[in-house]
PDB file of N, CA and C in Angstrom:
ATOM      1  N   MET A   1      55.103  68.380 -77.408  1.00  0.00           N
ATOM      2  CA  MET A   1      54.413  67.099 -76.825  1.00  0.00           C
ATOM      3  C   MET A   1      55.367  66.363 -76.082  1.00  0.00           C
ATOM      4  N   THR A   2      55.085  65.906 -74.921  1.00  0.00           N
ATOM      5  CA  THR A   2      55.869  65.042 -74.111  1.00  0.00           C
ATOM      6  C   THR A   2      55.149  63.793 -73.745  1.00  0.00           C
ATOM      7  N   GLY A   3      55.824  62.882 -73.154  1.00  0.00           N
ATOM      8  CA  GLY A   3      55.242  61.745 -72.610  1.00  0.00           C
ATOM      9  C   GLY A   3      54.368  62.121 -71.411  1.00  0.00           C
ATOM     10  N   GLY A   4      53.310  61.331 -71.022  1.00  0.00           N
ATOM     11  CA  GLY A   4      52.554  61.503 -69.809  1.00  0.00           C
ATOM     12  C   GLY A   4      53.198  61.015 -68.463  1.00  0.00           C
ATOM     13  N   TYR A   5      54.201  60.256 -68.700  1.00  0.00           N
ATOM     14  CA  TYR A   5      54.959  59.760 -67.570  1.00  0.00           C
ATOM     15  C   TYR A   5      54.050  59.097 -66.551  1.00  0.00           C
ATOM     16  N   ARG A   6      53.852  59.644 -65.458  1.00  0.00           N
ATOM     17  CA  ARG A   6      53.130  58.993 -64.335  1.00  0.00           C
ATOM     18  C   ARG A   6      51.567  59.399 -64.465  1.00  0.00           C
ATOM     19  N   LEU A   7      51.172  60.161 -65.429  1.00  0.00           N
ATOM     20  CA  LEU A   7      49.759  60.532 -65.549  1.00  0.00           C
ATOM     21  C   LEU A   7      49.114  59.415 -66.283  1.00  0.00           C
ATOM     22  N   LYS A   8      47.731  59.421 -66.197  1.00  0.00           N
ATOM     23  CA  LYS A   8      46.977  58.358 -66.873  1.00  0.00           C
ATOM     24  C   LYS A   8      47.071  58.549 -68.445  1.00  0.00           C
ATOM     25  N   ALA A   9      47.308  59.809 -68.802  1.00  0.00           N
ATOM     26  CA  ALA A   9      47.414  60.107 -70.298  1.00  0.00           C
ATOM     27  C   ALA A   9      48.787  59.702 -70.723  1.00  0.00           C
ATOM     28  N   PRO A  10      48.880  59.215 -71.897  1.00  0.00           N
ATOM     29  CA  PRO A  10      50.223  58.788 -72.462  1.00  0.00           C
ATOM     30  C   PRO A  10      50.936  59.956 -73.005  1.00  0.00           C
ATOM     31  N   HIS A  11      50.351  61.100 -73.298  1.00  0.00           N
ATOM     32  CA  HIS A  11      50.996  62.327 -73.764  1.00  0.00           C
ATOM     33  C   HIS A  11      50.439  63.455 -73.196  1.00  0.00           C
ATOM     34  N   VAL A  12      51.279  64.551 -73.261  1.00  0.00           N
ATOM     35  CA  VAL A  12      50.835  65.890 -72.812  1.00  0.00           C
ATOM     36  C   VAL A  12      51.280  66.808 -73.850  1.00  0.00           C
ATOM     37  N   ILE A  13      50.299  67.511 -74.487  1.00  0.00           N
ATOM     38  CA  ILE A  13      50.664  68.558 -75.399  1.00  0.00           C
ATOM     39  C   ILE A  13      50.606  69.915 -74.653  1.00  0.00           C
ATOM     40  N   HIS A  14      51.731  70.577 -74.655  1.00  0.00           N
ATOM     41  CA  HIS A  14      51.974  71.780 -73.863  1.00  0.00           C
ATOM     42  C   HIS A  14      51.505  73.019 -74.724  1.00  0.00           C
ATOM     43  N   ALA A  15      50.694  73.771 -74.245  1.00  0.00           N
ATOM     44  CA  ALA A  15      50.242  75.114 -74.978  1.00  0.00           C
ATOM     45  C   ALA A  15      50.228  76.196 -74.119  1.00  0.00           C
ATOM     46  N   VAL A  16      50.827  77.307 -74.460  1.00  0.00           N
ATOM     47  CA  VAL A  16      50.900  78.504 -73.642  1.00  0.00           C
ATOM     48  C   VAL A  16      50.087  79.526 -74.294  1.00  0.00           C
ATOM     49  N   GLY A  17      48.869  79.827 -73.663  1.00  0.00           N
ATOM     50  CA  GLY A  17      48.039  80.836 -74.189  1.00  0.00           C
ATOM     51  C   GLY A  17      48.429  82.320 -74.035  1.00  0.00           C
ATOM     52  N   PRO A  18      47.684  83.196 -74.633  1.00  0.00           N
ATOM     53  CA  PRO A  18      48.065  84.698 -74.520  1.00  0.00           C
ATOM     54  C   PRO A  18      47.541  85.230 -73.105  1.00  0.00           C
ATOM     55  N   VAL A  19      48.256  86.194 -72.764  1.00  0.00           N
ATOM     56  CA  VAL A  19      47.797  87.190 -71.679  1.00  0.00           C
ATOM     57  C   VAL A  19      46.761  88.134 -72.252  1.00  0.00           C
ATOM     58  N   TRP A  20      45.707  88.249 -71.546  1.00  0.00           N
ATOM     59  CA  TRP A  20      44.659  89.161 -71.975  1.00  0.00           C
ATOM     60  C   TRP A  20      45.040  90.643 -71.705  1.00  0.00           C
ATOM     61  N   HIS A  21      45.058  91.383 -72.804  1.00  0.00           N
ATOM     62  CA  HIS A  21      45.319  92.858 -72.750  1.00  0.00           C
ATOM     63  C   HIS A  21      44.157  93.656 -73.214  1.00  0.00           C
ATOM     64  N   GLY A  22      42.936  93.090 -72.998  1.00  0.00           N
ATOM     65  CA  GLY A  22      41.717  93.843 -73.329  1.00  0.00           C
ATOM     66  C   GLY A  22      41.094  93.446 -74.627  1.00  0.00           C
ATOM     67  N   GLY A  23      41.710  92.557 -75.406  1.00  0.00           N
ATOM     68  CA  GLY A  23      41.023  92.029 -76.601  1.00  0.00           C
ATOM     69  C   GLY A  23      41.517  92.612 -77.880  1.00  0.00           C
ATOM     70  N   GLY A  24      42.196  93.713 -77.760  1.00  0.00           N
ATOM     71  CA  GLY A  24      42.762  94.388 -79.097  1.00  0.00           C
ATOM     72  C   GLY A  24      44.142  94.095 -79.470  1.00  0.00           C
ATOM     73  N   ALA A  25      44.769  93.152 -78.897  1.00  0.00           N
ATOM     74  CA  ALA A  25      46.186  92.782 -79.111  1.00  0.00           C
ATOM     75  C   ALA A  25      46.226  91.420 -79.860  1.00  0.00           C
ATOM     76  N   GLY A  26      45.228  90.932 -80.526  1.00  0.00           N
ATOM     77  CA  GLY A  26      45.226  89.637 -81.319  1.00  0.00           C
ATOM     78  C   GLY A  26      45.076  88.396 -80.308  1.00  0.00           C
ATOM     79  N   GLU A  27      44.544  88.689 -79.164  1.00  0.00           N
ATOM     80  CA  GLU A  27      44.412  87.536 -78.255  1.00  0.00           C
ATOM     81  C   GLU A  27      43.608  86.378 -78.823  1.00  0.00           C
ATOM     82  N   ALA A  28      42.492  86.740 -79.416  1.00  0.00           N
ATOM     83  CA  ALA A  28      41.563  85.701 -79.973  1.00  0.00           C
ATOM     84  C   ALA A  28      42.319  84.712 -80.935  1.00  0.00           C
ATOM     85  N   ASP A  29      43.093  85.396 -81.853  1.00  0.00           N
ATOM     86  CA  ASP A  29      43.927  84.549 -82.898  1.00  0.00           C
ATOM     87  C   ASP A  29      44.864  83.784 -82.202  1.00  0.00           C
ATOM     88  N   LEU A  30      45.626  84.346 -81.232  1.00  0.00           N
ATOM     89  CA  LEU A  30      46.652  83.659 -80.524  1.00  0.00           C
ATOM     90  C   LEU A  30      46.017  82.362 -79.724  1.00  0.00           C
ATOM     91  N   LEU A  31      44.948  82.700 -79.061  1.00  0.00           N
ATOM     92  CA  LEU A  31      44.230  81.628 -78.241  1.00  0.00           C
ATOM     93  C   LEU A  31      43.819  80.514 -79.303  1.00  0.00           C
ATOM     94  N   ALA A  32      43.231  80.843 -80.393  1.00  0.00           N
ATOM     95  CA  ALA A  32      42.737  79.870 -81.301  1.00  0.00           C
ATOM     96  C   ALA A  32      43.944  79.066 -81.897  1.00  0.00           C
ATOM     97  N   SER A  33      45.133  79.748 -82.055  1.00  0.00           N
ATOM     98  CA  SER A  33      46.169  78.931 -82.514  1.00  0.00           C
ATOM     99  C   SER A  33      46.646  77.940 -81.537  1.00  0.00           C
ATOM    100  N   CYS A  34      46.514  78.169 -80.273  1.00  0.00           N
ATOM    101  CA  CYS A  34      46.901  77.127 -79.237  1.00  0.00           C
ATOM    102  C   CYS A  34      46.116  75.804 -79.404  1.00  0.00           C
ATOM    103  N   TYR A  35      44.851  75.993 -79.570  1.00  0.00           N
ATOM    104  CA  TYR A  35      43.866  74.890 -79.688  1.00  0.00           C
ATOM    105  C   TYR A  35      44.154  74.183 -81.089  1.00  0.00           C
ATOM    106  N   THR A  36      44.384  75.054 -82.164  1.00  0.00           N
ATOM    107  CA  THR A  36      44.563  74.447 -83.441  1.00  0.00           C
ATOM    108  C   THR A  36      45.861  73.628 -83.578  1.00  0.00           C
ATOM    109  N   ARG A  37      46.876  74.184 -82.976  1.00  0.00           N
ATOM    110  CA  ARG A  37      48.249  73.462 -83.047  1.00  0.00           C
ATOM    111  C   ARG A  37      48.112  72.210 -82.224  1.00  0.00           C
ATOM    112  N   ALA A  38      47.569  72.229 -81.039  1.00  0.00           N
ATOM    113  CA  ALA A  38      47.446  71.080 -80.317  1.00  0.00           C
ATOM    114  C   ALA A  38      46.609  70.023 -80.974  1.00  0.00           C
ATOM    115  N   LEU A  39      45.595  70.356 -81.705  1.00  0.00           N
ATOM    116  CA  LEU A  39      44.777  69.425 -82.463  1.00  0.00           C
ATOM    117  C   LEU A  39      45.623  68.912 -83.622  1.00  0.00           C
ATOM    118  N   GLN A  40      46.349  69.763 -84.180  1.00  0.00           N
ATOM    119  CA  GLN A  40      47.182  69.213 -85.334  1.00  0.00           C
ATOM    120  C   GLN A  40      48.168  68.135 -84.848  1.00  0.00           C
ATOM    121  N   LEU A  41      48.785  68.437 -83.709  1.00  0.00           N
ATOM    122  CA  LEU A  41      49.792  67.430 -83.095  1.00  0.00           C
ATOM    123  C   LEU A  41      49.005  66.134 -82.764  1.00  0.00           C
ATOM    124  N   ALA A  42      47.901  66.238 -82.188  1.00  0.00           N
ATOM    125  CA  ALA A  42      47.093  65.008 -81.936  1.00  0.00           C
ATOM    126  C   ALA A  42      46.812  64.269 -83.192  1.00  0.00           C
ATOM    127  N   THR A  43      46.459  64.957 -84.222  1.00  0.00           N
ATOM    128  CA  THR A  43      46.142  64.242 -85.510  1.00  0.00           C
ATOM    129  C   THR A  43      47.559  63.661 -86.105  1.00  0.00           C
ATOM    130  N   GLU A  44      48.514  64.400 -86.142  1.00  0.00           N
ATOM    131  CA  GLU A  44      49.838  63.930 -86.605  1.00  0.00           C
ATOM    132  C   GLU A  44      50.281  62.667 -85.899  1.00  0.00           C
ATOM    133  N   HIS A  45      50.021  62.589 -84.636  1.00  0.00           N
ATOM    134  CA  HIS A  45      50.501  61.383 -83.781  1.00  0.00           C
ATOM    135  C   HIS A  45      49.367  60.348 -83.617  1.00  0.00           C
ATOM    136  N   SER A  46      48.265  60.478 -84.397  1.00  0.00           N
ATOM    137  CA  SER A  46      47.160  59.530 -84.357  1.00  0.00           C
ATOM    138  C   SER A  46      46.519  59.295 -83.135  1.00  0.00           C
ATOM    139  N   LEU A  47      46.412  60.349 -82.211  1.00  0.00           N
ATOM    140  CA  LEU A  47      45.819  60.285 -80.920  1.00  0.00           C
ATOM    141  C   LEU A  47      44.295  60.409 -81.200  1.00  0.00           C
ATOM    142  N   THR A  48      43.589  59.506 -80.369  1.00  0.00           N
ATOM    143  CA  THR A  48      42.142  59.396 -80.580  1.00  0.00           C
ATOM    144  C   THR A  48      41.391  60.365 -79.699  1.00  0.00           C
ATOM    145  N   SER A  49      41.958  60.925 -78.742  1.00  0.00           N
ATOM    146  CA  SER A  49      41.290  61.883 -77.907  1.00  0.00           C
ATOM    147  C   SER A  49      42.300  62.859 -77.363  1.00  0.00           C
ATOM    148  N   ILE A  50      41.664  64.053 -76.942  1.00  0.00           N
ATOM    149  CA  ILE A  50      42.413  65.055 -76.310  1.00  0.00           C
ATOM    150  C   ILE A  50      41.554  65.809 -75.445  1.00  0.00           C
ATOM    151  N   ALA A  51      42.149  66.365 -74.282  1.00  0.00           N
ATOM    152  CA  ALA A  51      41.389  67.072 -73.275  1.00  0.00           C
ATOM    153  C   ALA A  51      42.071  68.429 -73.176  1.00  0.00           C
ATOM    154  N   PHE A  52      41.234  69.612 -73.211  1.00  0.00           N
ATOM    155  CA  PHE A  52      41.680  70.896 -72.953  1.00  0.00           C
ATOM    156  C   PHE A  52      41.226  71.496 -71.755  1.00  0.00           C
ATOM    157  N   PRO A  53      42.164  72.211 -70.993  1.00  0.00           N
ATOM    158  CA  PRO A  53      41.651  73.141 -69.880  1.00  0.00           C
ATOM    159  C   PRO A  53      41.098  74.398 -70.666  1.00  0.00           C
ATOM    160  N   ALA A  54      40.672  75.317 -69.920  1.00  0.00           N
ATOM    161  CA  ALA A  54      40.223  76.658 -70.398  1.00  0.00           C
ATOM    162  C   ALA A  54      41.489  77.523 -70.477  1.00  0.00           C
ATOM    163  N   ILE A  55      42.226  77.380 -71.599  1.00  0.00           N
ATOM    164  CA  ILE A  55      43.542  77.956 -71.741  1.00  0.00           C
ATOM    165  C   ILE A  55      43.439  79.460 -71.584  1.00  0.00           C
ATOM    166  N   SER A  56      44.370  79.997 -70.861  1.00  0.00           N
ATOM    167  CA  SER A  56      44.552  81.492 -70.625  1.00  0.00           C
ATOM    168  C   SER A  56      43.569  82.121 -69.689  1.00  0.00           C
ATOM    169  N   THR A  57      42.580  81.301 -69.095  1.00  0.00           N
ATOM    170  CA  THR A  57      41.573  81.891 -68.275  1.00  0.00           C
ATOM    171  C   THR A  57      41.900  82.107 -66.795  1.00  0.00           C
ATOM    172  N   GLY A  58      43.070  81.612 -66.485  1.00  0.00           N
ATOM    173  CA  GLY A  58      43.497  81.672 -65.086  1.00  0.00           C
ATOM    174  C   GLY A  58      44.298  83.002 -64.832  1.00  0.00           C
ATOM    175  N   ILE A  59      45.503  82.863 -64.539  1.00  0.00           N
ATOM    176  CA  ILE A  59      46.458  83.994 -64.232  1.00  0.00           C
ATOM    177  C   ILE A  59      46.642  84.913 -65.394  1.00  0.00           C
ATOM    178  N   TYR A  60      46.309  84.427 -66.604  1.00  0.00           N
ATOM    179  CA  TYR A  60      46.537  85.219 -67.822  1.00  0.00           C
ATOM    180  C   TYR A  60      45.262  86.097 -68.095  1.00  0.00           C
ATOM    181  N   GLY A  61      44.263  85.977 -67.331  1.00  0.00           N
ATOM    182  CA  GLY A  61      43.121  86.778 -67.365  1.00  0.00           C
ATOM    183  C   GLY A  61      42.148  86.836 -68.449  1.00  0.00           C
ATOM    184  N   TYR A  62      42.248  85.921 -69.405  1.00  0.00           N
ATOM    185  CA  TYR A  62      41.325  85.856 -70.520  1.00  0.00           C
ATOM    186  C   TYR A  62      39.849  85.619 -70.099  1.00  0.00           C
ATOM    187  N   PRO A  63      39.026  86.524 -70.391  1.00  0.00           N
ATOM    188  CA  PRO A  63      37.507  86.289 -69.939  1.00  0.00           C
ATOM    189  C   PRO A  63      37.085  84.837 -70.320  1.00  0.00           C
ATOM    190  N   LYS A  64      36.531  84.254 -69.251  1.00  0.00           N
ATOM    191  CA  LYS A  64      36.133  82.856 -69.532  1.00  0.00           C
ATOM    192  C   LYS A  64      35.020  82.644 -70.627  1.00  0.00           C
ATOM    193  N   ASP A  65      34.193  83.647 -70.712  1.00  0.00           N
ATOM    194  CA  ASP A  65      33.084  83.488 -71.753  1.00  0.00           C
ATOM    195  C   ASP A  65      33.659  83.560 -73.167  1.00  0.00           C
ATOM    196  N   GLU A  66      34.548  84.669 -73.426  1.00  0.00           N
ATOM    197  CA  GLU A  66      35.183  84.779 -74.651  1.00  0.00           C
ATOM    198  C   GLU A  66      36.108  83.686 -75.014  1.00  0.00           C
ATOM    199  N   ALA A  67      36.896  83.218 -74.014  1.00  0.00           N
ATOM    200  CA  ALA A  67      37.777  82.098 -74.300  1.00  0.00           C
ATOM    201  C   ALA A  67      36.968  80.778 -74.694  1.00  0.00           C
ATOM    202  N   ALA A  68      35.863  80.598 -74.074  1.00  0.00           N
ATOM    203  CA  ALA A  68      34.999  79.320 -74.453  1.00  0.00           C
ATOM    204  C   ALA A  68      34.653  79.462 -75.837  1.00  0.00           C
ATOM    205  N   GLY A  69      34.185  80.630 -76.209  1.00  0.00           N
ATOM    206  CA  GLY A  69      33.782  80.743 -77.785  1.00  0.00           C
ATOM    207  C   GLY A  69      34.854  80.453 -78.684  1.00  0.00           C
ATOM    208  N   VAL A  70      36.086  80.963 -78.312  1.00  0.00           N
ATOM    209  CA  VAL A  70      37.226  80.817 -79.214  1.00  0.00           C
ATOM    210  C   VAL A  70      37.601  79.373 -79.167  1.00  0.00           C
ATOM    211  N   ALA A  71      37.553  78.714 -78.118  1.00  0.00           N
ATOM    212  CA  ALA A  71      37.928  77.306 -78.006  1.00  0.00           C
ATOM    213  C   ALA A  71      37.077  76.439 -78.841  1.00  0.00           C
ATOM    214  N   VAL A  72      35.820  76.605 -78.559  1.00  0.00           N
ATOM    215  CA  VAL A  72      34.801  75.794 -79.271  1.00  0.00           C
ATOM    216  C   VAL A  72      34.896  75.978 -80.844  1.00  0.00           C
ATOM    217  N   ALA A  73      35.043  77.176 -81.296  1.00  0.00           N
ATOM    218  CA  ALA A  73      35.111  77.531 -82.665  1.00  0.00           C
ATOM    219  C   ALA A  73      36.317  76.892 -83.278  1.00  0.00           C
ATOM    220  N   ALA A  74      37.469  76.969 -82.539  1.00  0.00           N
ATOM    221  CA  ALA A  74      38.805  76.478 -83.115  1.00  0.00           C
ATOM    222  C   ALA A  74      38.665  74.877 -83.219  1.00  0.00           C
ATOM    223  N   VAL A  75      37.970  74.220 -82.239  1.00  0.00           N
ATOM    224  CA  VAL A  75      37.924  72.711 -82.226  1.00  0.00           C
ATOM    225  C   VAL A  75      37.059  72.393 -83.425  1.00  0.00           C
ATOM    226  N   LEU A  76      35.967  73.101 -83.508  1.00  0.00           N
ATOM    227  CA  LEU A  76      35.007  72.751 -84.592  1.00  0.00           C
ATOM    228  C   LEU A  76      35.517  72.948 -85.959  1.00  0.00           C
ATOM    229  N   ARG A  77      36.373  74.051 -86.148  1.00  0.00           N
ATOM    230  CA  ARG A  77      37.028  74.253 -87.432  1.00  0.00           C
ATOM    231  C   ARG A  77      37.964  73.043 -87.743  1.00  0.00           C
ATOM    232  N   HIS A  78      38.635  72.577 -86.733  1.00  0.00           N
ATOM    233  CA  HIS A  78      39.565  71.496 -86.974  1.00  0.00           C
ATOM    234  C   HIS A  78      38.826  70.126 -87.318  1.00  0.00           C
ATOM    235  N   LEU A  79      37.830  69.899 -86.491  1.00  0.00           N
ATOM    236  CA  LEU A  79      37.033  68.716 -86.701  1.00  0.00           C
ATOM    237  C   LEU A  79      36.255  68.721 -87.986  1.00  0.00           C
ATOM    238  N   GLY A  80      35.873  69.955 -88.406  1.00  0.00           N
ATOM    239  CA  GLY A  80      35.137  70.029 -89.783  1.00  0.00           C
ATOM    240  C   GLY A  80      36.045  69.551 -90.873  1.00  0.00           C
ATOM    241  N   ALA A  81      37.376  69.659 -90.777  1.00  0.00           N
ATOM    242  CA  ALA A  81      38.261  69.350 -91.899  1.00  0.00           C
ATOM    243  C   ALA A  81      38.876  67.956 -91.685  1.00  0.00           C
ATOM    244  N   ARG A  82      38.789  67.455 -90.527  1.00  0.00           N
ATOM    245  CA  ARG A  82      39.402  66.110 -90.087  1.00  0.00           C
ATOM    246  C   ARG A  82      38.586  65.279 -89.323  1.00  0.00           C
ATOM    247  N   GLN A  83      38.850  64.019 -89.165  1.00  0.00           N
ATOM    248  CA  GLN A  83      38.136  63.094 -88.430  1.00  0.00           C
ATOM    249  C   GLN A  83      38.823  62.677 -87.193  1.00  0.00           C
ATOM    250  N   SER A  84      39.890  63.326 -86.857  1.00  0.00           N
ATOM    251  CA  SER A  84      40.545  63.020 -85.677  1.00  0.00           C
ATOM    252  C   SER A  84      41.017  64.214 -84.900  1.00  0.00           C
ATOM    253  N   PRO A  85      41.153  64.285 -83.614  1.00  0.00           N
ATOM    254  CA  PRO A  85      40.870  63.171 -82.736  1.00  0.00           C
ATOM    255  C   PRO A  85      39.342  62.808 -82.643  1.00  0.00           C
ATOM    256  N   GLU A  86      38.931  61.628 -82.342  1.00  0.00           N
ATOM    257  CA  GLU A  86      37.609  61.195 -82.202  1.00  0.00           C
ATOM    258  C   GLU A  86      36.865  61.887 -81.095  1.00  0.00           C
ATOM    259  N   THR A  87      37.556  62.179 -80.061  1.00  0.00           N
ATOM    260  CA  THR A  87      36.940  62.726 -78.936  1.00  0.00           C
ATOM    261  C   THR A  87      37.805  63.913 -78.354  1.00  0.00           C
ATOM    262  N   VAL A  88      37.066  65.063 -78.084  1.00  0.00           N
ATOM    263  CA  VAL A  88      37.624  66.246 -77.554  1.00  0.00           C
ATOM    264  C   VAL A  88      36.831  66.572 -76.291  1.00  0.00           C
ATOM    265  N   VAL A  89      37.491  66.700 -75.156  1.00  0.00           N
ATOM    266  CA  VAL A  89      36.917  67.039 -73.864  1.00  0.00           C
ATOM    267  C   VAL A  89      37.345  68.488 -73.499  1.00  0.00           C
ATOM    268  N   PHE A  90      36.466  69.321 -73.035  1.00  0.00           N
ATOM    269  CA  PHE A  90      36.781  70.557 -72.361  1.00  0.00           C
ATOM    270  C   PHE A  90      36.709  70.279 -70.881  1.00  0.00           C
ATOM    271  N   CYS A  91      37.895  70.289 -70.269  1.00  0.00           N
ATOM    272  CA  CYS A  91      38.040  70.030 -68.917  1.00  0.00           C
ATOM    273  C   CYS A  91      38.150  71.384 -68.049  1.00  0.00           C
ATOM    274  N   CYS A  92      37.071  71.710 -67.512  1.00  0.00           N
ATOM    275  CA  CYS A  92      36.865  73.078 -66.943  1.00  0.00           C
ATOM    276  C   CYS A  92      37.174  73.043 -65.384  1.00  0.00           C
ATOM    277  N   PHE A  93      37.905  74.041 -64.981  1.00  0.00           N
ATOM    278  CA  PHE A  93      38.291  74.168 -63.580  1.00  0.00           C
ATOM    279  C   PHE A  93      37.182  74.400 -62.706  1.00  0.00           C
ATOM    280  N   ASP A  94      36.119  75.184 -63.177  1.00  0.00           N
ATOM    281  CA  ASP A  94      35.057  75.504 -62.249  1.00  0.00           C
ATOM    282  C   ASP A  94      33.795  75.547 -63.067  1.00  0.00           C
ATOM    283  N   GLU A  95      32.696  75.660 -62.360  1.00  0.00           N
ATOM    284  CA  GLU A  95      31.342  75.617 -62.951  1.00  0.00           C
ATOM    285  C   GLU A  95      31.230  76.804 -63.974  1.00  0.00           C
ATOM    286  N   ALA A  96      31.750  78.088 -63.663  1.00  0.00           N
ATOM    287  CA  ALA A  96      31.520  79.130 -64.600  1.00  0.00           C
ATOM    288  C   ALA A  96      32.128  78.790 -65.953  1.00  0.00           C
ATOM    289  N   ALA A  97      33.406  78.338 -66.027  1.00  0.00           N
ATOM    290  CA  ALA A  97      33.984  77.878 -67.296  1.00  0.00           C
ATOM    291  C   ALA A  97      33.139  76.771 -67.916  1.00  0.00           C
ATOM    292  N   ALA A  98      32.705  75.882 -67.260  1.00  0.00           N
ATOM    293  CA  ALA A  98      31.868  74.777 -67.846  1.00  0.00           C
ATOM    294  C   ALA A  98      30.602  75.326 -68.460  1.00  0.00           C
ATOM    295  N   ALA A  99      29.984  76.218 -67.705  1.00  0.00           N
ATOM    296  CA  ALA A  99      28.648  76.983 -68.234  1.00  0.00           C
ATOM    297  C   ALA A  99      29.056  77.736 -69.457  1.00  0.00           C
ATOM    298  N   PHE A 100      30.092  78.367 -69.600  1.00  0.00           N
ATOM    299  CA  PHE A 100      30.485  79.122 -70.791  1.00  0.00           C
ATOM    300  C   PHE A 100      30.696  78.170 -71.979  1.00  0.00           C
ATOM    301  N   HIS A 101      31.467  77.055 -71.667  1.00  0.00           N
ATOM    302  CA  HIS A 101      31.654  76.024 -72.728  1.00  0.00           C
ATOM    303  C   HIS A 101      30.405  75.509 -73.262  1.00  0.00           C
ATOM    304  N   ARG A 102      29.497  75.080 -72.388  1.00  0.00           N
ATOM    305  CA  ARG A 102      28.087  74.593 -72.678  1.00  0.00           C
ATOM    306  C   ARG A 102      27.324  75.573 -73.464  1.00  0.00           C
ATOM    307  N   ALA A 103      27.423  76.897 -73.127  1.00  0.00           N
ATOM    308  CA  ALA A 103      26.670  77.828 -73.863  1.00  0.00           C
ATOM    309  C   ALA A 103      27.318  77.974 -75.289  1.00  0.00           C
ATOM    310  N   ALA A 104      28.589  77.871 -75.390  1.00  0.00           N
ATOM    311  CA  ALA A 104      29.262  78.000 -76.764  1.00  0.00           C
ATOM    312  C   ALA A 104      28.810  76.822 -77.562  1.00  0.00           C
ATOM    313  N   LEU A 105      28.645  75.582 -76.976  1.00  0.00           N
ATOM    314  CA  LEU A 105      28.291  74.391 -77.673  1.00  0.00           C
ATOM    315  C   LEU A 105      26.787  74.315 -77.959  1.00  0.00           C
ATOM    316  N   ASP A 106      25.987  74.779 -77.072  1.00  0.00           N
ATOM    317  CA  ASP A 106      24.529  74.740 -77.180  1.00  0.00           C
ATOM    318  C   ASP A 106      23.845  75.095 -78.475  1.00  0.00           C
ATOM    319  N   PRO A 107      24.231  76.223 -79.068  1.00  0.00           N
ATOM    320  CA  PRO A 107      23.594  76.532 -80.415  1.00  0.00           C
ATOM    321  C   PRO A 107      23.891  75.539 -81.525  1.00  0.00           C
ATOM    322  N   LEU A 108      24.912  74.781 -81.308  1.00  0.00           N
ATOM    323  CA  LEU A 108      25.412  73.872 -82.295  1.00  0.00           C
ATOM    324  C   LEU A 108      24.854  72.459 -82.093  1.00  0.00           C
ATOM    325  N   GLY A 109      24.144  72.339 -81.038  1.00  0.00           N
ATOM    326  CA  GLY A 109      23.591  70.950 -80.725  1.00  0.00           C
ATOM    327  C   GLY A 109      24.636  70.000 -80.244  1.00  0.00           C
ATOM    328  N   GLY A 110      25.672  70.573 -79.737  1.00  0.00           N
ATOM    329  CA  GLY A 110      26.824  69.781 -79.209  1.00  0.00           C
ATOM    330  C   GLY A 110      26.555  68.960 -78.008  1.00  0.00           C
ATOM    331  N   ASP A 111      27.342  67.836 -77.918  1.00  0.00           N
ATOM    332  CA  ASP A 111      27.145  66.972 -76.742  1.00  0.00           C
ATOM    333  C   ASP A 111      28.074  67.587 -75.562  1.00  0.00           C
ATOM    334  N   ASP A 112      27.572  68.115 -74.565  1.00  0.00           N
ATOM    335  CA  ASP A 112      28.327  68.719 -73.584  1.00  0.00           C
ATOM    336  C   ASP A 112      28.558  67.820 -72.331  1.00  0.00           C
ATOM    337  N   GLU A 113      28.484  66.661 -72.382  1.00  0.00           N
ATOM    338  CA  GLU A 113      28.586  65.714 -71.360  1.00  0.00           C
ATOM    339  C   GLU A 113      29.858  65.024 -71.562  1.00  0.00           C
TER     340      GLU A 113
END
């Protein structure tokens, strides 16, 4: 975690996700750990909000639909055991990623706005 410097955010939590190798190389566990560790840092530093991009779905080739499911599940596991951060935002680069995140949240009755 570093300072946000000239960004509007006071902090940046850096997370490097896994490269997609077809799904049989533990990618889902590695991706979930990126979200979990970032949330743990946010909690340890009393951050009230955190925003996530769709980690690993760019050049690393992780399928957006599968990544969204992993991301939502990891965040919900964390929030189920803790009350912070208060706000989690999935900041999606494109409409496809946003649609997959909404779909992952929909069965849970999540607030996707």
